[in-house]
N, C-alpha and C. Protein backbone atom coordinates (compact mmCIF):
# COMPACT_ATOMS: atom_id res chain seq x y z
N MET A 1 -93.22 25.55 -68.19
CA MET A 1 -91.86 25.35 -67.68
C MET A 1 -91.21 26.71 -67.42
N GLN A 2 -90.67 26.92 -66.20
CA GLN A 2 -90.05 28.18 -65.86
C GLN A 2 -88.68 28.30 -66.53
N PRO A 3 -88.34 29.53 -66.99
CA PRO A 3 -87.01 29.71 -67.61
C PRO A 3 -85.91 29.51 -66.58
N LEU A 4 -84.78 29.00 -67.05
CA LEU A 4 -83.65 28.79 -66.16
C LEU A 4 -83.05 30.14 -65.77
N LEU A 5 -82.68 30.26 -64.51
CA LEU A 5 -82.01 31.47 -64.04
C LEU A 5 -80.56 31.45 -64.53
N PRO A 6 -80.00 32.63 -64.81
CA PRO A 6 -78.58 32.66 -65.22
C PRO A 6 -77.70 32.20 -64.07
N ALA A 7 -76.53 31.67 -64.42
CA ALA A 7 -75.59 31.21 -63.40
C ALA A 7 -75.22 32.38 -62.50
N TYR A 8 -75.11 32.11 -61.21
CA TYR A 8 -74.80 33.17 -60.25
C TYR A 8 -73.50 32.86 -59.53
N ALA A 9 -72.68 33.87 -59.40
CA ALA A 9 -71.43 33.76 -58.63
C ALA A 9 -71.49 34.80 -57.52
N GLU A 10 -71.32 34.37 -56.27
CA GLU A 10 -71.31 35.31 -55.16
C GLU A 10 -69.90 35.89 -55.01
N LEU A 11 -69.80 37.21 -55.15
CA LEU A 11 -68.50 37.87 -55.20
C LEU A 11 -68.14 38.65 -53.94
N HIS A 12 -69.02 38.65 -52.95
CA HIS A 12 -68.74 39.41 -51.72
C HIS A 12 -69.30 38.62 -50.55
N CYS A 13 -68.44 37.84 -49.92
CA CYS A 13 -68.88 36.91 -48.88
C CYS A 13 -67.86 36.88 -47.75
N LEU A 14 -68.32 37.19 -46.55
CA LEU A 14 -67.46 37.19 -45.37
C LEU A 14 -67.69 35.92 -44.55
N SER A 15 -66.62 35.33 -44.07
CA SER A 15 -66.72 34.17 -43.19
C SER A 15 -66.43 34.61 -41.76
N ASN A 16 -66.38 33.64 -40.85
CA ASN A 16 -66.07 33.97 -39.46
C ASN A 16 -64.62 34.39 -39.27
N PHE A 17 -63.82 34.37 -40.35
CA PHE A 17 -62.47 34.91 -40.28
C PHE A 17 -62.48 36.44 -40.35
N SER A 18 -63.64 37.04 -40.63
CA SER A 18 -63.81 38.48 -40.48
C SER A 18 -64.33 38.71 -39.07
N PHE A 19 -63.43 39.02 -38.16
CA PHE A 19 -63.72 39.05 -36.72
C PHE A 19 -64.89 39.97 -36.40
N LEU A 20 -65.85 39.45 -35.64
CA LEU A 20 -67.03 40.17 -35.19
C LEU A 20 -67.93 40.63 -36.34
N ARG A 21 -67.85 39.93 -37.47
CA ARG A 21 -68.72 40.26 -38.61
C ARG A 21 -69.36 39.00 -39.20
N GLY A 22 -68.52 38.08 -39.69
CA GLY A 22 -69.05 36.88 -40.31
C GLY A 22 -69.50 35.86 -39.29
N ALA A 23 -70.63 35.20 -39.57
CA ALA A 23 -71.22 34.26 -38.61
C ALA A 23 -71.23 32.81 -39.10
N SER A 24 -70.53 32.53 -40.19
CA SER A 24 -70.49 31.17 -40.71
C SER A 24 -69.07 30.76 -41.07
N HIS A 25 -68.79 29.47 -40.90
CA HIS A 25 -67.47 28.94 -41.25
C HIS A 25 -67.36 28.82 -42.78
N PRO A 26 -66.16 28.93 -43.33
CA PRO A 26 -66.00 28.81 -44.78
C PRO A 26 -66.62 27.54 -45.37
N PRO A 27 -66.45 26.34 -44.75
CA PRO A 27 -67.09 25.16 -45.34
C PRO A 27 -68.62 25.27 -45.40
N GLU A 28 -69.22 25.91 -44.41
CA GLU A 28 -70.67 26.09 -44.44
C GLU A 28 -71.08 26.96 -45.62
N LEU A 29 -70.31 27.99 -45.88
CA LEU A 29 -70.61 28.87 -47.01
C LEU A 29 -70.43 28.14 -48.34
N VAL A 30 -69.37 27.34 -48.43
CA VAL A 30 -69.12 26.55 -49.65
C VAL A 30 -70.25 25.57 -49.89
N ASN A 31 -70.65 24.83 -48.86
CA ASN A 31 -71.70 23.82 -49.03
C ASN A 31 -73.03 24.45 -49.40
N LYS A 32 -73.35 25.61 -48.82
CA LYS A 32 -74.59 26.29 -49.17
C LYS A 32 -74.56 26.80 -50.60
N ALA A 33 -73.42 27.34 -51.02
CA ALA A 33 -73.30 27.80 -52.41
C ALA A 33 -73.49 26.65 -53.39
N HIS A 34 -72.91 25.50 -53.06
CA HIS A 34 -73.08 24.32 -53.91
C HIS A 34 -74.54 23.88 -53.92
N GLU A 35 -75.16 23.87 -52.76
CA GLU A 35 -76.57 23.47 -52.65
C GLU A 35 -77.47 24.39 -53.49
N ARG A 36 -77.14 25.67 -53.51
CA ARG A 36 -77.93 26.64 -54.26
C ARG A 36 -77.61 26.64 -55.76
N GLY A 37 -76.61 25.90 -56.16
CA GLY A 37 -76.27 25.82 -57.58
C GLY A 37 -75.44 26.99 -58.09
N TYR A 38 -74.73 27.67 -57.20
CA TYR A 38 -73.89 28.78 -57.63
C TYR A 38 -72.77 28.26 -58.53
N SER A 39 -72.35 29.09 -59.47
CA SER A 39 -71.23 28.71 -60.32
C SER A 39 -69.90 28.99 -59.65
N ALA A 40 -69.88 29.98 -58.73
CA ALA A 40 -68.64 30.33 -58.06
C ALA A 40 -68.94 31.04 -56.74
N LEU A 41 -67.96 31.02 -55.86
CA LEU A 41 -68.05 31.69 -54.57
C LEU A 41 -66.73 32.37 -54.29
N ALA A 42 -66.78 33.65 -53.95
CA ALA A 42 -65.58 34.38 -53.54
C ALA A 42 -65.62 34.57 -52.03
N ILE A 43 -64.61 34.08 -51.35
CA ILE A 43 -64.46 34.35 -49.92
C ILE A 43 -63.64 35.64 -49.81
N THR A 44 -64.26 36.67 -49.26
CA THR A 44 -63.64 38.00 -49.30
C THR A 44 -63.59 38.60 -47.89
N ASP A 45 -62.93 37.92 -46.98
CA ASP A 45 -62.83 38.42 -45.61
C ASP A 45 -62.09 39.75 -45.58
N GLU A 46 -62.38 40.55 -44.54
CA GLU A 46 -61.84 41.90 -44.47
C GLU A 46 -60.33 41.89 -44.24
N CYS A 47 -59.62 42.46 -45.21
CA CYS A 47 -58.15 42.56 -45.18
C CYS A 47 -57.52 41.23 -44.75
N SER A 48 -57.96 40.15 -45.36
CA SER A 48 -57.48 38.81 -44.99
C SER A 48 -57.84 37.81 -46.09
N VAL A 49 -57.00 36.79 -46.22
CA VAL A 49 -57.35 35.64 -47.06
C VAL A 49 -57.34 34.37 -46.22
N ALA A 50 -57.46 34.54 -44.89
CA ALA A 50 -57.33 33.40 -43.98
C ALA A 50 -58.40 32.35 -44.18
N GLY A 51 -59.60 32.75 -44.56
CA GLY A 51 -60.69 31.78 -44.70
C GLY A 51 -60.62 30.95 -45.96
N VAL A 52 -59.76 31.33 -46.89
CA VAL A 52 -59.72 30.66 -48.18
C VAL A 52 -59.23 29.22 -48.07
N VAL A 53 -58.30 28.95 -47.16
CA VAL A 53 -57.74 27.60 -47.04
C VAL A 53 -58.84 26.59 -46.71
N ARG A 54 -59.65 26.90 -45.71
CA ARG A 54 -60.72 25.97 -45.34
C ARG A 54 -61.79 25.89 -46.41
N ALA A 55 -62.02 26.99 -47.11
CA ALA A 55 -62.97 26.96 -48.22
C ALA A 55 -62.45 26.04 -49.33
N HIS A 56 -61.17 26.13 -49.61
CA HIS A 56 -60.56 25.28 -50.64
C HIS A 56 -60.67 23.80 -50.25
N GLU A 57 -60.43 23.50 -48.99
CA GLU A 57 -60.57 22.12 -48.53
C GLU A 57 -62.00 21.63 -48.66
N ALA A 58 -62.96 22.52 -48.39
CA ALA A 58 -64.37 22.14 -48.51
C ALA A 58 -64.77 21.90 -49.97
N ILE A 59 -64.21 22.69 -50.87
CA ILE A 59 -64.49 22.50 -52.31
C ILE A 59 -64.04 21.11 -52.75
N LYS A 60 -62.88 20.69 -52.26
CA LYS A 60 -62.35 19.38 -52.67
C LYS A 60 -63.21 18.24 -52.15
N LYS A 61 -64.01 18.48 -51.11
CA LYS A 61 -64.85 17.44 -50.53
C LYS A 61 -66.25 17.40 -51.13
N LEU A 62 -66.54 18.30 -52.07
CA LEU A 62 -67.85 18.28 -52.71
C LEU A 62 -68.00 17.02 -53.56
N PRO A 63 -69.24 16.60 -53.86
CA PRO A 63 -69.45 15.38 -54.65
C PRO A 63 -68.77 15.44 -56.01
N PRO A 64 -68.39 14.31 -56.55
CA PRO A 64 -67.78 14.28 -57.88
C PRO A 64 -68.68 14.98 -58.90
N GLY A 65 -68.06 15.75 -59.76
CA GLY A 65 -68.83 16.46 -60.78
C GLY A 65 -69.27 17.86 -60.35
N ALA A 66 -69.07 18.20 -59.08
CA ALA A 66 -69.45 19.53 -58.62
C ALA A 66 -68.62 20.58 -59.37
N SER A 67 -69.26 21.67 -59.75
CA SER A 67 -68.58 22.66 -60.59
C SER A 67 -68.37 24.00 -59.91
N LEU A 68 -68.52 24.04 -58.60
CA LEU A 68 -68.35 25.31 -57.88
C LEU A 68 -66.89 25.76 -57.92
N GLN A 69 -66.67 26.98 -58.40
CA GLN A 69 -65.33 27.56 -58.42
C GLN A 69 -65.14 28.42 -57.18
N LEU A 70 -63.91 28.48 -56.70
CA LEU A 70 -63.57 29.33 -55.56
C LEU A 70 -62.73 30.49 -56.05
N PHE A 71 -63.18 31.71 -55.74
CA PHE A 71 -62.40 32.90 -56.03
C PHE A 71 -61.76 33.39 -54.73
N ILE A 72 -60.55 33.87 -54.84
CA ILE A 72 -59.83 34.40 -53.68
C ILE A 72 -59.87 35.92 -53.73
N GLY A 73 -60.33 36.52 -52.64
CA GLY A 73 -60.42 37.96 -52.61
C GLY A 73 -60.39 38.50 -51.19
N SER A 74 -60.59 39.79 -51.08
CA SER A 74 -60.60 40.43 -49.77
C SER A 74 -61.36 41.74 -49.86
N GLU A 75 -62.10 42.02 -48.79
CA GLU A 75 -62.76 43.33 -48.66
C GLU A 75 -61.76 44.28 -48.01
N ILE A 76 -61.58 45.43 -48.63
CA ILE A 76 -60.61 46.40 -48.14
C ILE A 76 -61.30 47.75 -47.92
N GLY A 77 -61.17 48.28 -46.71
CA GLY A 77 -61.67 49.61 -46.43
C GLY A 77 -60.50 50.57 -46.35
N LEU A 78 -60.50 51.59 -47.20
CA LEU A 78 -59.42 52.56 -47.19
C LEU A 78 -59.70 53.66 -46.17
N ASP A 79 -58.63 54.31 -45.71
CA ASP A 79 -58.77 55.33 -44.67
C ASP A 79 -59.72 56.44 -45.08
N GLU A 80 -59.84 56.70 -46.38
CA GLU A 80 -60.67 57.80 -46.85
C GLU A 80 -62.15 57.43 -46.94
N GLY A 81 -62.51 56.23 -46.50
CA GLY A 81 -63.91 55.82 -46.51
C GLY A 81 -64.33 55.02 -47.72
N LEU A 82 -63.42 54.76 -48.62
CA LEU A 82 -63.71 53.97 -49.81
C LEU A 82 -63.61 52.49 -49.46
N LYS A 83 -64.62 51.70 -49.88
CA LYS A 83 -64.60 50.26 -49.62
C LYS A 83 -64.59 49.51 -50.96
N LEU A 84 -63.70 48.54 -51.03
CA LEU A 84 -63.54 47.74 -52.25
C LEU A 84 -63.53 46.25 -51.91
N VAL A 85 -63.91 45.44 -52.88
CA VAL A 85 -63.59 44.02 -52.86
C VAL A 85 -62.59 43.79 -53.98
N LEU A 86 -61.45 43.24 -53.63
CA LEU A 86 -60.41 42.93 -54.61
C LEU A 86 -60.36 41.42 -54.82
N LEU A 87 -60.43 40.99 -56.06
CA LEU A 87 -60.46 39.57 -56.41
C LEU A 87 -59.25 39.22 -57.25
N ALA A 88 -58.51 38.22 -56.81
CA ALA A 88 -57.32 37.78 -57.54
C ALA A 88 -57.74 37.03 -58.81
N ALA A 89 -57.21 37.46 -59.94
CA ALA A 89 -57.53 36.81 -61.22
C ALA A 89 -56.52 35.73 -61.57
N ASP A 90 -55.33 35.81 -60.97
CA ASP A 90 -54.28 34.84 -61.29
C ASP A 90 -53.26 34.83 -60.15
N ARG A 91 -52.18 34.09 -60.35
CA ARG A 91 -51.16 33.95 -59.31
C ARG A 91 -50.53 35.31 -58.97
N GLU A 92 -50.28 36.11 -59.99
CA GLU A 92 -49.72 37.45 -59.75
C GLU A 92 -50.67 38.26 -58.89
N GLY A 93 -51.96 38.20 -59.22
CA GLY A 93 -52.94 38.95 -58.45
C GLY A 93 -53.00 38.49 -57.01
N TYR A 94 -52.91 37.18 -56.79
CA TYR A 94 -52.92 36.64 -55.43
C TYR A 94 -51.72 37.17 -54.64
N GLY A 95 -50.56 37.17 -55.26
CA GLY A 95 -49.37 37.68 -54.59
C GLY A 95 -49.49 39.16 -54.26
N ASN A 96 -50.01 39.94 -55.21
CA ASN A 96 -50.17 41.37 -54.99
C ASN A 96 -51.22 41.66 -53.91
N LEU A 97 -52.28 40.86 -53.89
CA LEU A 97 -53.31 41.03 -52.86
C LEU A 97 -52.74 40.73 -51.48
N CYS A 98 -51.98 39.65 -51.38
CA CYS A 98 -51.37 39.30 -50.09
C CYS A 98 -50.37 40.37 -49.64
N SER A 99 -49.64 40.93 -50.59
CA SER A 99 -48.69 41.99 -50.25
C SER A 99 -49.41 43.23 -49.73
N LEU A 100 -50.55 43.56 -50.34
CA LEU A 100 -51.34 44.71 -49.89
C LEU A 100 -51.87 44.48 -48.48
N ILE A 101 -52.36 43.27 -48.22
CA ILE A 101 -52.88 42.94 -46.88
C ILE A 101 -51.76 43.04 -45.85
N THR A 102 -50.59 42.50 -46.19
CA THR A 102 -49.44 42.56 -45.28
C THR A 102 -49.05 44.01 -45.00
N LEU A 103 -49.07 44.85 -46.03
CA LEU A 103 -48.75 46.26 -45.88
C LEU A 103 -49.72 46.93 -44.91
N GLY A 104 -51.01 46.71 -45.12
CA GLY A 104 -52.02 47.34 -44.27
C GLY A 104 -51.97 46.86 -42.84
N ARG A 105 -51.77 45.57 -42.64
CA ARG A 105 -51.71 45.01 -41.28
C ARG A 105 -50.44 45.47 -40.56
N GLY A 106 -49.36 45.61 -41.29
CA GLY A 106 -48.10 46.01 -40.68
C GLY A 106 -48.10 47.44 -40.19
N ARG A 107 -49.03 48.24 -40.65
CA ARG A 107 -49.09 49.65 -40.24
C ARG A 107 -49.94 49.87 -38.98
N ALA A 108 -50.57 48.84 -38.49
CA ALA A 108 -51.51 49.02 -37.39
C ALA A 108 -51.27 47.98 -36.31
N ASN A 109 -51.92 48.20 -35.16
CA ASN A 109 -51.88 47.22 -34.09
C ASN A 109 -52.61 45.95 -34.51
N LYS A 110 -52.34 44.87 -33.81
CA LYS A 110 -52.95 43.58 -34.12
C LYS A 110 -54.47 43.70 -34.18
N GLY A 111 -55.04 43.15 -35.23
CA GLY A 111 -56.49 43.19 -35.41
C GLY A 111 -56.99 44.35 -36.23
N ASN A 112 -56.10 45.29 -36.57
CA ASN A 112 -56.48 46.45 -37.37
C ASN A 112 -55.60 46.55 -38.60
N TYR A 113 -55.91 47.49 -39.46
CA TYR A 113 -55.07 47.74 -40.64
C TYR A 113 -55.30 49.17 -41.12
N HIS A 114 -54.35 49.68 -41.88
CA HIS A 114 -54.46 51.02 -42.46
C HIS A 114 -53.99 50.97 -43.90
N LEU A 115 -54.89 51.31 -44.80
CA LEU A 115 -54.55 51.44 -46.21
C LEU A 115 -55.20 52.71 -46.75
N ALA A 116 -54.52 53.36 -47.68
CA ALA A 116 -55.02 54.61 -48.23
C ALA A 116 -55.09 54.51 -49.76
N ARG A 117 -55.72 55.50 -50.35
CA ARG A 117 -55.87 55.50 -51.81
C ARG A 117 -54.52 55.43 -52.51
N GLN A 118 -53.52 56.07 -51.95
CA GLN A 118 -52.22 56.08 -52.60
C GLN A 118 -51.65 54.67 -52.74
N ASP A 119 -52.09 53.75 -51.89
CA ASP A 119 -51.63 52.36 -51.98
C ASP A 119 -52.21 51.64 -53.19
N LEU A 120 -53.27 52.20 -53.76
CA LEU A 120 -53.91 51.60 -54.93
C LEU A 120 -53.90 52.55 -56.13
N ALA A 121 -53.10 53.60 -56.03
CA ALA A 121 -53.10 54.62 -57.09
C ALA A 121 -52.76 54.03 -58.45
N ASN A 122 -51.93 53.00 -58.47
CA ASN A 122 -51.54 52.36 -59.73
C ASN A 122 -52.26 51.04 -59.95
N GLY A 123 -53.36 50.87 -59.21
CA GLY A 123 -54.11 49.63 -59.33
C GLY A 123 -53.41 48.49 -58.62
N LEU A 124 -53.96 47.31 -58.78
CA LEU A 124 -53.36 46.10 -58.21
C LEU A 124 -53.31 45.06 -59.33
N PRO A 125 -52.17 44.97 -60.02
CA PRO A 125 -52.07 44.06 -61.16
C PRO A 125 -52.52 42.65 -60.82
N GLY A 126 -53.28 42.07 -61.72
CA GLY A 126 -53.76 40.71 -61.53
C GLY A 126 -55.01 40.61 -60.69
N CYS A 127 -55.60 41.75 -60.36
CA CYS A 127 -56.82 41.74 -59.53
C CYS A 127 -57.94 42.52 -60.19
N PHE A 128 -59.17 42.09 -59.92
CA PHE A 128 -60.36 42.84 -60.28
C PHE A 128 -60.82 43.63 -59.06
N ALA A 129 -61.51 44.74 -59.30
CA ALA A 129 -61.97 45.59 -58.20
C ALA A 129 -63.48 45.79 -58.27
N LEU A 130 -64.13 45.63 -57.14
CA LEU A 130 -65.55 45.93 -57.01
C LEU A 130 -65.70 47.08 -56.03
N LEU A 131 -66.31 48.16 -56.48
CA LEU A 131 -66.62 49.27 -55.59
C LEU A 131 -67.85 48.92 -54.77
N ILE A 132 -67.74 49.00 -53.44
CA ILE A 132 -68.87 48.76 -52.56
C ILE A 132 -69.41 50.13 -52.15
N PRO A 133 -70.51 50.58 -52.74
CA PRO A 133 -70.99 51.93 -52.45
C PRO A 133 -71.45 52.08 -51.00
N GLY A 134 -71.26 53.27 -50.46
CA GLY A 134 -71.79 53.57 -49.14
C GLY A 134 -73.26 53.92 -49.24
N THR A 135 -73.84 54.37 -48.15
CA THR A 135 -75.26 54.72 -48.16
C THR A 135 -75.53 55.96 -49.02
N LYS A 136 -74.50 56.78 -49.22
CA LYS A 136 -74.60 57.92 -50.13
C LYS A 136 -73.55 57.74 -51.22
N LEU A 137 -74.01 57.80 -52.46
CA LEU A 137 -73.10 57.56 -53.57
C LEU A 137 -72.10 58.70 -53.72
N ASP A 138 -70.86 58.32 -54.02
CA ASP A 138 -69.78 59.28 -54.17
C ASP A 138 -69.20 59.11 -55.57
N ARG A 139 -69.50 60.07 -56.44
CA ARG A 139 -69.06 59.98 -57.82
C ARG A 139 -67.53 59.97 -57.92
N GLU A 140 -66.88 60.75 -57.07
CA GLU A 140 -65.43 60.83 -57.12
C GLU A 140 -64.78 59.49 -56.80
N GLN A 141 -65.37 58.74 -55.86
CA GLN A 141 -64.86 57.41 -55.54
C GLN A 141 -64.95 56.50 -56.77
N ALA A 142 -66.07 56.58 -57.47
CA ALA A 142 -66.25 55.74 -58.65
C ALA A 142 -65.24 56.09 -59.74
N TYR A 143 -64.98 57.38 -59.92
CA TYR A 143 -63.98 57.79 -60.91
C TYR A 143 -62.59 57.27 -60.53
N PHE A 144 -62.28 57.32 -59.24
CA PHE A 144 -60.98 56.83 -58.78
C PHE A 144 -60.82 55.35 -59.09
N VAL A 145 -61.83 54.55 -58.78
CA VAL A 145 -61.76 53.11 -59.02
C VAL A 145 -61.64 52.82 -60.50
N ALA A 146 -62.40 53.54 -61.32
CA ALA A 146 -62.34 53.33 -62.76
C ALA A 146 -60.96 53.68 -63.31
N GLU A 147 -60.34 54.71 -62.74
CA GLU A 147 -59.03 55.15 -63.22
C GLU A 147 -57.92 54.20 -62.80
N CYS A 148 -57.97 53.69 -61.56
CA CYS A 148 -56.86 52.85 -61.09
C CYS A 148 -57.02 51.39 -61.53
N SER A 149 -58.21 50.99 -61.97
CA SER A 149 -58.41 49.62 -62.46
C SER A 149 -59.19 49.63 -63.77
N PRO A 150 -58.64 50.22 -64.81
CA PRO A 150 -59.37 50.33 -66.08
C PRO A 150 -59.73 48.96 -66.66
N GLN A 151 -60.99 48.84 -67.05
CA GLN A 151 -61.51 47.61 -67.64
C GLN A 151 -61.49 46.42 -66.70
N ARG A 152 -61.21 46.66 -65.43
CA ARG A 152 -61.15 45.56 -64.46
C ARG A 152 -61.91 45.91 -63.18
N ALA A 153 -62.91 46.81 -63.32
CA ALA A 153 -63.64 47.26 -62.13
C ALA A 153 -65.13 47.32 -62.40
N TRP A 154 -65.89 47.08 -61.35
CA TRP A 154 -67.35 47.10 -61.41
C TRP A 154 -67.89 47.79 -60.15
N ILE A 155 -69.17 48.12 -60.20
CA ILE A 155 -69.88 48.56 -58.99
C ILE A 155 -70.68 47.38 -58.48
N ALA A 156 -70.43 46.99 -57.25
CA ALA A 156 -71.19 45.88 -56.65
C ALA A 156 -72.61 46.37 -56.36
N THR A 157 -73.57 45.65 -56.91
CA THR A 157 -74.98 46.02 -56.74
C THR A 157 -75.59 45.06 -55.74
N GLU A 158 -75.76 45.53 -54.52
CA GLU A 158 -76.22 44.69 -53.42
C GLU A 158 -77.60 45.19 -52.97
N LEU A 159 -78.63 44.52 -53.46
CA LEU A 159 -80.01 44.88 -53.13
C LEU A 159 -80.48 43.95 -52.02
N LEU A 160 -80.67 44.50 -50.83
CA LEU A 160 -80.89 43.69 -49.63
C LEU A 160 -82.32 43.76 -49.13
N PHE A 161 -83.26 43.83 -50.07
CA PHE A 161 -84.69 43.84 -49.74
C PHE A 161 -85.06 45.03 -48.85
N GLY A 162 -84.45 46.17 -49.13
CA GLY A 162 -84.80 47.39 -48.42
C GLY A 162 -85.98 48.07 -49.09
N PRO A 163 -86.52 49.10 -48.46
CA PRO A 163 -87.72 49.77 -49.02
C PRO A 163 -87.41 50.58 -50.28
N ASN A 164 -86.12 50.89 -50.51
CA ASN A 164 -85.78 51.76 -51.64
C ASN A 164 -84.89 51.08 -52.67
N ASP A 165 -85.01 49.75 -52.79
CA ASP A 165 -84.14 49.02 -53.71
C ASP A 165 -84.26 49.52 -55.15
N ARG A 166 -85.48 49.81 -55.59
CA ARG A 166 -85.69 50.25 -56.99
C ARG A 166 -84.97 51.59 -57.24
N SER A 167 -85.13 52.51 -56.29
CA SER A 167 -84.47 53.81 -56.41
C SER A 167 -82.96 53.67 -56.33
N TRP A 168 -82.48 52.81 -55.42
CA TRP A 168 -81.04 52.58 -55.25
C TRP A 168 -80.44 52.02 -56.53
N LEU A 169 -81.12 51.08 -57.16
CA LEU A 169 -80.62 50.48 -58.39
C LEU A 169 -80.53 51.54 -59.49
N ALA A 170 -81.53 52.42 -59.56
CA ALA A 170 -81.50 53.49 -60.57
C ALA A 170 -80.31 54.42 -60.34
N GLN A 171 -80.03 54.73 -59.08
CA GLN A 171 -78.88 55.59 -58.76
C GLN A 171 -77.56 54.92 -59.12
N LEU A 172 -77.46 53.60 -58.85
CA LEU A 172 -76.24 52.88 -59.18
C LEU A 172 -76.03 52.83 -60.70
N ARG A 173 -77.11 52.63 -61.43
CA ARG A 173 -77.00 52.61 -62.89
C ARG A 173 -76.51 53.96 -63.42
N LYS A 174 -77.03 55.03 -62.85
CA LYS A 174 -76.61 56.36 -63.27
C LYS A 174 -75.14 56.58 -62.96
N LEU A 175 -74.71 56.20 -61.76
CA LEU A 175 -73.31 56.33 -61.38
C LEU A 175 -72.42 55.50 -62.29
N GLY A 176 -72.86 54.30 -62.61
CA GLY A 176 -72.08 53.43 -63.49
C GLY A 176 -71.89 54.04 -64.86
N ARG A 177 -72.94 54.66 -65.40
CA ARG A 177 -72.83 55.31 -66.71
C ARG A 177 -71.86 56.49 -66.63
N GLN A 178 -71.93 57.27 -65.56
CA GLN A 178 -71.07 58.44 -65.43
C GLN A 178 -69.60 58.06 -65.31
N ALA A 179 -69.32 57.00 -64.55
CA ALA A 179 -67.93 56.63 -64.30
C ALA A 179 -67.40 55.58 -65.27
N GLY A 180 -68.27 55.03 -66.09
CA GLY A 180 -67.83 53.98 -67.01
C GLY A 180 -67.60 52.65 -66.31
N LEU A 181 -68.36 52.40 -65.24
CA LEU A 181 -68.24 51.16 -64.50
C LEU A 181 -69.51 50.34 -64.66
N PRO A 182 -69.42 49.12 -65.17
CA PRO A 182 -70.60 48.26 -65.23
C PRO A 182 -71.03 47.82 -63.84
N LEU A 183 -72.25 47.38 -63.71
CA LEU A 183 -72.77 46.86 -62.44
C LEU A 183 -72.64 45.35 -62.41
N VAL A 184 -72.40 44.81 -61.21
CA VAL A 184 -72.36 43.36 -61.04
C VAL A 184 -73.09 43.01 -59.75
N ALA A 185 -73.86 41.94 -59.78
CA ALA A 185 -74.64 41.54 -58.61
C ALA A 185 -73.76 40.94 -57.54
N ALA A 186 -74.04 41.30 -56.29
CA ALA A 186 -73.33 40.72 -55.14
C ALA A 186 -74.30 40.73 -53.96
N GLY A 187 -73.95 39.95 -52.92
CA GLY A 187 -74.90 39.78 -51.83
C GLY A 187 -74.48 40.28 -50.47
N ASP A 188 -73.21 40.69 -50.31
CA ASP A 188 -72.72 41.11 -48.98
C ASP A 188 -73.08 40.05 -47.94
N VAL A 189 -72.70 38.81 -48.21
CA VAL A 189 -73.08 37.66 -47.39
C VAL A 189 -72.29 37.63 -46.09
N HIS A 190 -72.98 37.44 -44.97
CA HIS A 190 -72.34 37.33 -43.66
C HIS A 190 -72.68 36.01 -42.95
N MET A 191 -73.58 35.22 -43.53
CA MET A 191 -73.98 33.95 -42.91
C MET A 191 -74.56 33.05 -44.00
N HIS A 192 -74.56 31.74 -43.73
CA HIS A 192 -75.02 30.81 -44.76
C HIS A 192 -76.49 30.45 -44.61
N THR A 193 -77.09 30.78 -43.48
CA THR A 193 -78.50 30.47 -43.25
C THR A 193 -79.10 31.48 -42.29
N ARG A 194 -80.39 31.73 -42.41
CA ARG A 194 -81.05 32.74 -41.57
C ARG A 194 -80.95 32.42 -40.09
N SER A 195 -80.83 31.16 -39.76
CA SER A 195 -80.78 30.79 -38.34
C SER A 195 -79.53 31.34 -37.65
N ARG A 196 -78.54 31.80 -38.43
CA ARG A 196 -77.35 32.39 -37.84
C ARG A 196 -77.53 33.88 -37.53
N ARG A 197 -78.69 34.43 -37.86
CA ARG A 197 -78.88 35.86 -37.64
C ARG A 197 -78.70 36.27 -36.17
N PRO A 198 -79.26 35.54 -35.21
CA PRO A 198 -79.03 35.95 -33.82
C PRO A 198 -77.55 35.99 -33.45
N LEU A 199 -76.77 35.01 -33.94
CA LEU A 199 -75.34 35.02 -33.66
C LEU A 199 -74.68 36.23 -34.31
N GLN A 200 -75.06 36.52 -35.56
CA GLN A 200 -74.47 37.66 -36.24
C GLN A 200 -74.82 38.96 -35.54
N ASP A 201 -76.03 39.05 -35.01
CA ASP A 201 -76.43 40.24 -34.26
C ASP A 201 -75.55 40.40 -33.00
N VAL A 202 -75.29 39.29 -32.32
CA VAL A 202 -74.45 39.35 -31.13
C VAL A 202 -73.02 39.78 -31.50
N LEU A 203 -72.51 39.24 -32.61
CA LEU A 203 -71.16 39.57 -33.03
C LEU A 203 -71.00 41.05 -33.32
N THR A 204 -72.03 41.64 -33.90
CA THR A 204 -71.91 43.03 -34.34
C THR A 204 -72.45 44.01 -33.32
């Protein structure tokens, strides 16, 4: 008998509400997460919570007894090149996240946004933060995230079946030890099934 896998929650998932990036509708992502037995799904569209409403409606339509939780979050890219996923932990966090999104969108033309480190210098009360590392690890970015979200921040570990996954994981572990940030698994999901890959390629 094979051992049971630990419960998995997807914490970084973009829907088609992330313009020219996500290739699946929120209900499709919800249904696939339920089918896969996930314990939770975070819809984290870029500087937006627009996809959450349809995801919430899809959760309510799942079969009786379904235990999939929906987390509300957003992927935020700061002007300095730092990328984060912010997840609302409670009502206060949801309000603060929406205020941050409104601030960023209000500074730019329609379809864009501008946010800087100073906007998160004091953290975002009621929210958790996931650092999304770039292709080259930046220790200073990790220290910043750890400082502005003490005890509420992680490094998203997204291993996408590349040739250097083992080396990348070792580098992330080292960075996590240096900055005092634990690692958490995430998938950087952009579609609910492989058959959407051609559409996602066209979008991007």
